[in-house]
Amino acid sequence: MYPDHPLTDEGGMTPMAFVLNILWLALGGAVAALGWFVAAFFMAVTIVGIPWARAAIDNGVYTLWPFGTRTIDRELMFGEEIGTGPLGFLGNLIWFALAGWWLALGHVIAALFLAITIIGIPFAWAHLKLAGFALWPIGRTLVSSGWRRRVY
């Protein structure tokens, strides 16, 4: 495949992460991700929402496969871009005011309910990761949990 791609990990996904992702998808993750993708479509159709559509797509991908994946600043991966500077900060402020805080709050509430049972703790942790990303997504990207920045 592509050895330097951010979601490629030489060690591959652990069997536990794979099983947790399959359970996550079966128990609602697929429906939640579909919601993100539909929201991204409508954001893109409005033209004004295009900068936030990418964030919604990234949230959808993260919602599909949260175990074995983490977020990092896009600047570490791609260098300085439009979404990593002052415009990205402004975009995140608008996102936070209009959607980010209540999306994150929903994830935190779901995490609290899931953390009541021992079997729900990994899913609660996934919701907390998703809450952080839903709060401030612009200027961030997804990488494999084992990914390390290569210095040449």
N, C-alpha and C. Protein backbone atom coordinates (compact mmCIF):
# COMPACT_ATOMS: atom_id res chain seq x y z
N MET A 1 0.85 -1.18 0.00
CA MET A 1 0.00 0.00 0.00
C MET A 1 0.89 1.24 0.00
N TYR A 2 0.62 2.22 0.84
CA TYR A 2 1.41 3.43 0.93
C TYR A 2 2.08 3.49 2.29
N PRO A 3 3.39 3.24 2.37
CA PRO A 3 4.02 3.16 3.69
C PRO A 3 4.02 4.46 4.47
N ASP A 4 3.94 5.61 3.80
CA ASP A 4 3.97 6.88 4.52
C ASP A 4 2.58 7.48 4.72
N HIS A 5 1.53 6.73 4.35
CA HIS A 5 0.17 7.22 4.54
C HIS A 5 -0.14 7.28 6.03
N PRO A 6 -0.83 8.34 6.49
CA PRO A 6 -1.04 8.50 7.94
C PRO A 6 -1.84 7.41 8.61
N LEU A 7 -2.69 6.70 7.89
CA LEU A 7 -3.47 5.64 8.53
C LEU A 7 -2.86 4.26 8.32
N THR A 8 -1.62 4.23 7.80
CA THR A 8 -0.92 2.97 7.63
C THR A 8 0.05 2.78 8.78
N ASP A 9 -0.01 1.63 9.38
CA ASP A 9 0.88 1.31 10.49
C ASP A 9 1.58 0.00 10.16
N GLU A 10 2.89 -0.01 10.29
CA GLU A 10 3.65 -1.21 9.95
C GLU A 10 3.18 -2.41 10.75
N GLY A 11 2.79 -2.22 11.99
CA GLY A 11 2.37 -3.33 12.83
C GLY A 11 0.94 -3.76 12.57
N GLY A 12 0.17 -2.99 11.85
CA GLY A 12 -1.22 -3.31 11.60
C GLY A 12 -2.08 -3.04 12.81
N MET A 13 -3.36 -3.25 12.65
CA MET A 13 -4.30 -3.05 13.75
C MET A 13 -4.28 -4.26 14.67
N THR A 14 -4.37 -4.00 15.94
CA THR A 14 -4.39 -5.11 16.89
C THR A 14 -5.72 -5.86 16.76
N PRO A 15 -5.71 -7.14 17.06
CA PRO A 15 -6.98 -7.89 16.99
C PRO A 15 -8.05 -7.31 17.92
N MET A 16 -7.65 -6.80 19.09
CA MET A 16 -8.62 -6.22 20.02
C MET A 16 -9.25 -4.97 19.42
N ALA A 17 -8.44 -4.11 18.80
CA ALA A 17 -8.99 -2.90 18.18
C ALA A 17 -9.94 -3.26 17.05
N PHE A 18 -9.62 -4.30 16.28
CA PHE A 18 -10.49 -4.74 15.20
C PHE A 18 -11.84 -5.20 15.74
N VAL A 19 -11.81 -6.03 16.77
CA VAL A 19 -13.05 -6.54 17.37
C VAL A 19 -13.87 -5.38 17.94
N LEU A 20 -13.21 -4.46 18.65
CA LEU A 20 -13.93 -3.31 19.22
C LEU A 20 -14.55 -2.45 18.12
N ASN A 21 -13.85 -2.27 17.01
CA ASN A 21 -14.40 -1.50 15.90
C ASN A 21 -15.62 -2.18 15.28
N ILE A 22 -15.57 -3.50 15.13
CA ILE A 22 -16.72 -4.22 14.58
C ILE A 22 -17.92 -4.09 15.53
N LEU A 23 -17.68 -4.27 16.83
CA LEU A 23 -18.77 -4.10 17.80
C LEU A 23 -19.30 -2.66 17.77
N TRP A 24 -18.40 -1.69 17.70
CA TRP A 24 -18.77 -0.28 17.63
C TRP A 24 -19.69 -0.03 16.44
N LEU A 25 -19.31 -0.56 15.26
CA LEU A 25 -20.13 -0.37 14.06
C LEU A 25 -21.50 -1.00 14.22
N ALA A 26 -21.53 -2.21 14.75
CA ALA A 26 -22.79 -2.93 14.89
C ALA A 26 -23.72 -2.29 15.91
N LEU A 27 -23.15 -1.63 16.92
CA LEU A 27 -23.97 -1.07 17.99
C LEU A 27 -24.24 0.43 17.84
N GLY A 28 -24.11 0.94 16.64
CA GLY A 28 -24.51 2.33 16.40
C GLY A 28 -23.47 3.21 15.75
N GLY A 29 -22.24 2.77 15.67
CA GLY A 29 -21.21 3.60 15.07
C GLY A 29 -21.45 3.89 13.59
N ALA A 30 -21.99 2.89 12.88
CA ALA A 30 -22.26 3.08 11.45
C ALA A 30 -23.35 4.13 11.24
N VAL A 31 -24.37 4.11 12.07
CA VAL A 31 -25.46 5.08 11.94
C VAL A 31 -24.95 6.48 12.29
N ALA A 32 -24.13 6.60 13.33
CA ALA A 32 -23.58 7.90 13.71
C ALA A 32 -22.68 8.45 12.61
N ALA A 33 -21.87 7.58 12.01
CA ALA A 33 -21.00 8.04 10.92
C ALA A 33 -21.82 8.48 9.72
N LEU A 34 -22.88 7.75 9.43
CA LEU A 34 -23.76 8.13 8.32
C LEU A 34 -24.33 9.53 8.57
N GLY A 35 -24.68 9.82 9.81
CA GLY A 35 -25.16 11.17 10.15
C GLY A 35 -24.12 12.23 9.84
N TRP A 36 -22.85 11.96 10.17
CA TRP A 36 -21.78 12.91 9.85
C TRP A 36 -21.65 13.11 8.34
N PHE A 37 -21.73 12.01 7.58
CA PHE A 37 -21.58 12.12 6.13
C PHE A 37 -22.75 12.88 5.50
N VAL A 38 -23.95 12.67 6.00
CA VAL A 38 -25.11 13.43 5.50
C VAL A 38 -24.95 14.91 5.85
N ALA A 39 -24.50 15.20 7.06
CA ALA A 39 -24.26 16.60 7.45
C ALA A 39 -23.20 17.23 6.56
N ALA A 40 -22.14 16.48 6.24
CA ALA A 40 -21.08 17.01 5.36
C ALA A 40 -21.63 17.30 3.98
N PHE A 41 -22.52 16.43 3.49
CA PHE A 41 -23.13 16.66 2.17
C PHE A 41 -23.91 17.97 2.17
N PHE A 42 -24.73 18.18 3.18
CA PHE A 42 -25.53 19.40 3.22
C PHE A 42 -24.66 20.64 3.43
N MET A 43 -23.58 20.51 4.18
CA MET A 43 -22.65 21.63 4.33
C MET A 43 -22.03 21.99 2.99
N ALA A 44 -21.63 20.98 2.23
CA ALA A 44 -21.01 21.23 0.93
C ALA A 44 -22.00 21.83 -0.06
N VAL A 45 -23.25 21.40 0.00
CA VAL A 45 -24.27 21.92 -0.92
C VAL A 45 -24.51 23.41 -0.68
N THR A 46 -24.39 23.86 0.54
CA THR A 46 -24.64 25.27 0.83
C THR A 46 -23.52 26.18 0.37
N ILE A 47 -22.42 25.65 -0.10
CA ILE A 47 -21.23 26.38 -0.55
C ILE A 47 -20.55 27.09 0.63
N VAL A 48 -21.30 27.81 1.44
CA VAL A 48 -20.73 28.51 2.59
C VAL A 48 -20.16 27.51 3.59
N GLY A 49 -20.74 26.33 3.66
CA GLY A 49 -20.33 25.33 4.64
C GLY A 49 -19.19 24.44 4.19
N ILE A 50 -18.63 24.67 3.00
CA ILE A 50 -17.57 23.79 2.49
C ILE A 50 -16.39 23.66 3.46
N PRO A 51 -15.90 24.74 4.09
CA PRO A 51 -14.77 24.54 5.01
C PRO A 51 -15.09 23.61 6.17
N TRP A 52 -16.34 23.56 6.58
CA TRP A 52 -16.73 22.70 7.69
C TRP A 52 -17.12 21.31 7.22
N ALA A 53 -17.38 21.15 5.93
CA ALA A 53 -17.73 19.83 5.40
C ALA A 53 -16.57 18.85 5.57
N ARG A 54 -15.35 19.34 5.35
CA ARG A 54 -14.19 18.46 5.54
C ARG A 54 -14.09 18.00 6.99
N ALA A 55 -14.35 18.90 7.92
CA ALA A 55 -14.32 18.52 9.33
C ALA A 55 -15.39 17.48 9.63
N ALA A 56 -16.57 17.62 9.03
CA ALA A 56 -17.64 16.65 9.24
C ALA A 56 -17.26 15.30 8.64
N ILE A 57 -16.61 15.29 7.48
CA ILE A 57 -16.17 14.02 6.89
C ILE A 57 -15.13 13.36 7.78
N ASP A 58 -14.17 14.14 8.28
CA ASP A 58 -13.17 13.58 9.19
C ASP A 58 -13.82 13.01 10.45
N ASN A 59 -14.82 13.71 10.98
CA ASN A 59 -15.55 13.21 12.14
C ASN A 59 -16.27 11.90 11.80
N GLY A 60 -16.82 11.82 10.60
CA GLY A 60 -17.49 10.59 10.17
C GLY A 60 -16.54 9.41 10.06
N VAL A 61 -15.36 9.66 9.50
CA VAL A 61 -14.36 8.59 9.38
C VAL A 61 -13.91 8.15 10.77
N TYR A 62 -13.67 9.11 11.65
CA TYR A 62 -13.25 8.79 13.01
C TYR A 62 -14.34 8.03 13.74
N THR A 63 -15.60 8.38 13.48
CA THR A 63 -16.73 7.70 14.11
C THR A 63 -16.87 6.28 13.57
N LEU A 64 -16.50 6.05 12.32
CA LEU A 64 -16.56 4.70 11.77
C LEU A 64 -15.54 3.77 12.41
N TRP A 65 -14.36 4.26 12.70
CA TRP A 65 -13.25 3.39 13.11
C TRP A 65 -12.45 4.06 14.22
N PRO A 66 -13.00 4.24 15.44
CA PRO A 66 -12.31 5.00 16.48
C PRO A 66 -11.19 4.25 17.20
N PHE A 67 -11.23 2.93 17.18
CA PHE A 67 -10.20 2.17 17.89
C PHE A 67 -9.03 1.94 16.95
N GLY A 68 -7.83 2.22 17.43
CA GLY A 68 -6.64 2.09 16.60
C GLY A 68 -6.36 3.34 15.78
N THR A 69 -7.10 4.41 16.06
CA THR A 69 -6.95 5.68 15.35
C THR A 69 -6.87 6.80 16.38
N ARG A 70 -6.10 7.83 16.06
CA ARG A 70 -6.02 9.01 16.92
C ARG A 70 -5.90 10.24 16.05
N THR A 71 -5.99 11.41 16.66
CA THR A 71 -5.88 12.66 15.90
C THR A 71 -4.57 13.36 16.25
N ILE A 72 -4.06 14.08 15.26
CA ILE A 72 -2.89 14.93 15.47
C ILE A 72 -3.12 16.23 14.71
N ASP A 73 -2.30 17.23 14.99
CA ASP A 73 -2.37 18.48 14.23
C ASP A 73 -1.94 18.21 12.80
N ARG A 74 -2.69 18.75 11.83
CA ARG A 74 -2.36 18.56 10.42
C ARG A 74 -1.02 19.18 10.07
N GLU A 75 -0.62 20.17 10.82
CA GLU A 75 0.66 20.83 10.55
C GLU A 75 1.83 19.85 10.71
N LEU A 76 1.73 18.90 11.63
CA LEU A 76 2.76 17.88 11.80
C LEU A 76 2.87 16.98 10.58
N MET A 77 1.74 16.74 9.93
CA MET A 77 1.70 15.83 8.79
C MET A 77 2.02 16.53 7.47
N PHE A 78 1.39 17.68 7.26
CA PHE A 78 1.44 18.30 5.94
C PHE A 78 2.13 19.66 5.92
N GLY A 79 2.58 20.15 7.05
CA GLY A 79 3.15 21.49 7.10
C GLY A 79 2.04 22.52 7.26
N GLU A 80 2.40 23.79 7.18
CA GLU A 80 1.41 24.84 7.38
C GLU A 80 0.47 24.92 6.18
N GLU A 81 -0.82 24.92 6.48
CA GLU A 81 -1.88 25.01 5.48
C GLU A 81 -2.88 26.06 5.92
N ILE A 82 -3.88 26.27 5.08
CA ILE A 82 -4.91 27.28 5.40
C ILE A 82 -5.67 26.91 6.67
N GLY A 83 -5.87 25.62 6.92
CA GLY A 83 -6.63 25.19 8.10
C GLY A 83 -5.81 25.14 9.38
N THR A 84 -4.50 25.33 9.27
CA THR A 84 -3.67 25.25 10.47
C THR A 84 -3.28 26.62 11.01
N GLY A 85 -3.60 27.68 10.30
CA GLY A 85 -3.24 29.02 10.73
C GLY A 85 -4.41 29.77 11.34
N PRO A 86 -4.39 31.10 11.20
CA PRO A 86 -5.46 31.93 11.77
C PRO A 86 -6.85 31.62 11.21
N LEU A 87 -6.94 31.27 9.91
CA LEU A 87 -8.26 30.94 9.35
C LEU A 87 -8.81 29.65 9.95
N GLY A 88 -7.93 28.70 10.24
CA GLY A 88 -8.36 27.47 10.91
C GLY A 88 -8.87 27.75 12.31
N PHE A 89 -8.18 28.65 13.00
CA PHE A 89 -8.61 29.04 14.35
C PHE A 89 -9.99 29.69 14.29
N LEU A 90 -10.19 30.59 13.33
CA LEU A 90 -11.49 31.24 13.16
C LEU A 90 -12.56 30.21 12.80
N GLY A 91 -12.22 29.28 11.92
CA GLY A 91 -13.17 28.22 11.56
C GLY A 91 -13.55 27.37 12.75
N ASN A 92 -12.58 27.08 13.61
CA ASN A 92 -12.87 26.31 14.82
C ASN A 92 -13.75 27.09 15.79
N LEU A 93 -13.53 28.40 15.89
CA LEU A 93 -14.39 29.22 16.76
C LEU A 93 -15.84 29.18 16.29
N ILE A 94 -16.03 29.31 14.98
CA ILE A 94 -17.38 29.26 14.42
C ILE A 94 -17.98 27.87 14.63
N TRP A 95 -17.17 26.82 14.37
CA TRP A 95 -17.63 25.45 14.58
C TRP A 95 -18.03 25.24 16.04
N PHE A 96 -17.17 25.69 16.96
CA PHE A 96 -17.44 25.53 18.39
C PHE A 96 -18.75 26.20 18.77
N ALA A 97 -18.97 27.43 18.29
CA ALA A 97 -20.17 28.19 18.66
C ALA A 97 -21.44 27.57 18.09
N LEU A 98 -21.38 27.07 16.85
CA LEU A 98 -22.59 26.57 16.20
C LEU A 98 -22.85 25.08 16.41
N ALA A 99 -21.81 24.29 16.57
CA ALA A 99 -22.04 22.85 16.63
C ALA A 99 -21.14 22.12 17.61
N GLY A 100 -19.92 22.54 17.75
CA GLY A 100 -18.92 21.76 18.48
C GLY A 100 -19.26 21.47 19.93
N TRP A 101 -19.73 22.47 20.65
CA TRP A 101 -19.95 22.27 22.09
C TRP A 101 -21.06 21.28 22.35
N TRP A 102 -22.16 21.33 21.57
CA TRP A 102 -23.26 20.40 21.86
C TRP A 102 -22.99 19.02 21.30
N LEU A 103 -22.20 18.91 20.22
CA LEU A 103 -21.81 17.59 19.74
C LEU A 103 -20.89 16.91 20.76
N ALA A 104 -19.93 17.68 21.28
CA ALA A 104 -19.03 17.14 22.31
C ALA A 104 -19.80 16.76 23.57
N LEU A 105 -20.75 17.59 23.95
CA LEU A 105 -21.56 17.29 25.13
C LEU A 105 -22.33 15.98 24.95
N GLY A 106 -22.86 15.75 23.77
CA GLY A 106 -23.55 14.48 23.50
C GLY A 106 -22.63 13.29 23.65
N HIS A 107 -21.40 13.41 23.16
CA HIS A 107 -20.43 12.32 23.31
C HIS A 107 -20.07 12.10 24.78
N VAL A 108 -19.91 13.17 25.53
CA VAL A 108 -19.58 13.05 26.96
C VAL A 108 -20.72 12.37 27.72
N ILE A 109 -21.95 12.75 27.42
CA ILE A 109 -23.11 12.12 28.09
C ILE A 109 -23.17 10.64 27.74
N ALA A 110 -22.96 10.31 26.46
CA ALA A 110 -22.95 8.89 26.06
C ALA A 110 -21.83 8.15 26.78
N ALA A 111 -20.67 8.79 26.93
CA ALA A 111 -19.54 8.16 27.63
C ALA A 111 -19.88 7.89 29.09
N LEU A 112 -20.56 8.83 29.73
CA LEU A 112 -20.94 8.63 31.13
C LEU A 112 -21.87 7.43 31.29
N PHE A 113 -22.83 7.30 30.38
CA PHE A 113 -23.75 6.16 30.47
C PHE A 113 -23.04 4.85 30.18
N LEU A 114 -22.12 4.84 29.22
CA LEU A 114 -21.41 3.62 28.88
C LEU A 114 -20.42 3.20 29.97
N ALA A 115 -19.86 4.17 30.68
CA ALA A 115 -18.84 3.88 31.69
C ALA A 115 -19.43 3.23 32.93
N ILE A 116 -20.75 3.18 33.03
CA ILE A 116 -21.39 2.54 34.19
C ILE A 116 -21.06 1.05 34.24
N THR A 117 -20.97 0.42 33.08
CA THR A 117 -20.67 -1.01 33.04
C THR A 117 -19.22 -1.23 32.62
N ILE A 118 -18.64 -2.29 33.06
CA ILE A 118 -17.25 -2.58 32.71
C ILE A 118 -17.10 -2.81 31.21
N ILE A 119 -18.05 -3.51 30.61
CA ILE A 119 -17.94 -3.79 29.18
C ILE A 119 -18.10 -2.51 28.34
N GLY A 120 -18.73 -1.49 28.91
CA GLY A 120 -18.92 -0.24 28.17
C GLY A 120 -17.75 0.73 28.25
N ILE A 121 -16.77 0.44 29.11
CA ILE A 121 -15.66 1.39 29.31
C ILE A 121 -14.87 1.67 28.03
N PRO A 122 -14.52 0.67 27.20
CA PRO A 122 -13.80 1.01 25.96
C PRO A 122 -14.63 1.91 25.04
N PHE A 123 -15.93 1.70 25.01
CA PHE A 123 -16.79 2.53 24.16
C PHE A 123 -16.94 3.93 24.74
N ALA A 124 -16.94 4.02 26.07
CA ALA A 124 -16.95 5.34 26.71
C ALA A 124 -15.69 6.10 26.35
N TRP A 125 -14.55 5.43 26.37
CA TRP A 125 -13.28 6.06 25.99
C TRP A 125 -13.32 6.54 24.54
N ALA A 126 -13.91 5.74 23.65
CA ALA A 126 -14.04 6.14 22.25
C ALA A 126 -14.90 7.40 22.14
N HIS A 127 -15.97 7.47 22.91
CA HIS A 127 -16.82 8.66 22.89
C HIS A 127 -16.07 9.88 23.40
N LEU A 128 -15.21 9.72 24.39
CA LEU A 128 -14.43 10.86 24.88
C LEU A 128 -13.44 11.34 23.82
N LYS A 129 -12.83 10.39 23.09
CA LYS A 129 -11.94 10.78 21.98
C LYS A 129 -12.73 11.53 20.91
N LEU A 130 -13.91 11.03 20.59
CA LEU A 130 -14.75 11.68 19.58
C LEU A 130 -15.21 13.06 20.05
N ALA A 131 -15.46 13.21 21.34
CA ALA A 131 -15.88 14.50 21.89
C ALA A 131 -14.79 15.54 21.69
N GLY A 132 -13.56 15.17 21.96
CA GLY A 132 -12.45 16.11 21.77
C GLY A 132 -12.31 16.53 20.33
N PHE A 133 -12.49 15.60 19.42
CA PHE A 133 -12.36 15.92 17.99
C PHE A 133 -13.56 16.72 17.51
N ALA A 134 -14.76 16.41 18.01
CA ALA A 134 -15.96 17.14 17.60
C ALA A 134 -15.94 18.57 18.11
N LEU A 135 -15.22 18.81 19.18
CA LEU A 135 -15.15 20.14 19.78
C LEU A 135 -14.33 21.11 18.93
N TRP A 136 -13.22 20.65 18.35
CA TRP A 136 -12.25 21.52 17.69
C TRP A 136 -11.57 20.75 16.56
N PRO A 137 -12.28 20.45 15.43
CA PRO A 137 -11.73 19.52 14.43
C PRO A 137 -10.85 20.13 13.34
N ILE A 138 -11.01 21.40 13.05
CA ILE A 138 -10.30 21.98 11.92
C ILE A 138 -8.81 22.10 12.26
N GLY A 139 -7.97 21.70 11.30
CA GLY A 139 -6.54 21.72 11.53
C GLY A 139 -6.02 20.44 12.16
N ARG A 140 -6.87 19.42 12.23
CA ARG A 140 -6.46 18.12 12.78
C ARG A 140 -6.67 17.06 11.73
N THR A 141 -5.97 15.95 11.85
CA THR A 141 -6.13 14.84 10.92
C THR A 141 -6.06 13.54 11.69
N LEU A 142 -6.48 12.47 11.06
CA LEU A 142 -6.50 11.14 11.68
C LEU A 142 -5.27 10.36 11.28
N VAL A 143 -4.70 9.64 12.23
CA VAL A 143 -3.57 8.76 11.97
C VAL A 143 -3.78 7.46 12.73
N SER A 144 -3.06 6.44 12.33
CA SER A 144 -3.06 5.19 13.06
C SER A 144 -2.46 5.42 14.44
N SER A 145 -2.94 4.71 15.42
CA SER A 145 -2.42 4.88 16.78
C SER A 145 -0.93 4.63 16.87
N GLY A 146 -0.40 3.78 16.00
CA GLY A 146 1.02 3.47 16.00
C GLY A 146 1.86 4.42 15.16
N TRP A 147 1.23 5.39 14.50
CA TRP A 147 1.95 6.28 13.60
C TRP A 147 2.89 7.20 14.36
N ARG A 148 4.08 7.34 13.86
CA ARG A 148 5.06 8.26 14.41
C ARG A 148 5.58 9.12 13.27
N ARG A 149 5.79 10.37 13.55
CA ARG A 149 6.32 11.29 12.54
C ARG A 149 7.74 10.86 12.18
N ARG A 150 7.96 10.73 10.90
CA ARG A 150 9.30 10.35 10.44
C ARG A 150 10.14 11.60 10.20
N VAL A 151 11.34 11.56 10.67
CA VAL A 151 12.26 12.68 10.48
C VAL A 151 13.31 12.22 9.48
N TYR A 152 13.41 12.94 8.37
CA TYR A 152 14.37 12.57 7.33
C TYR A 152 15.57 13.47 7.37
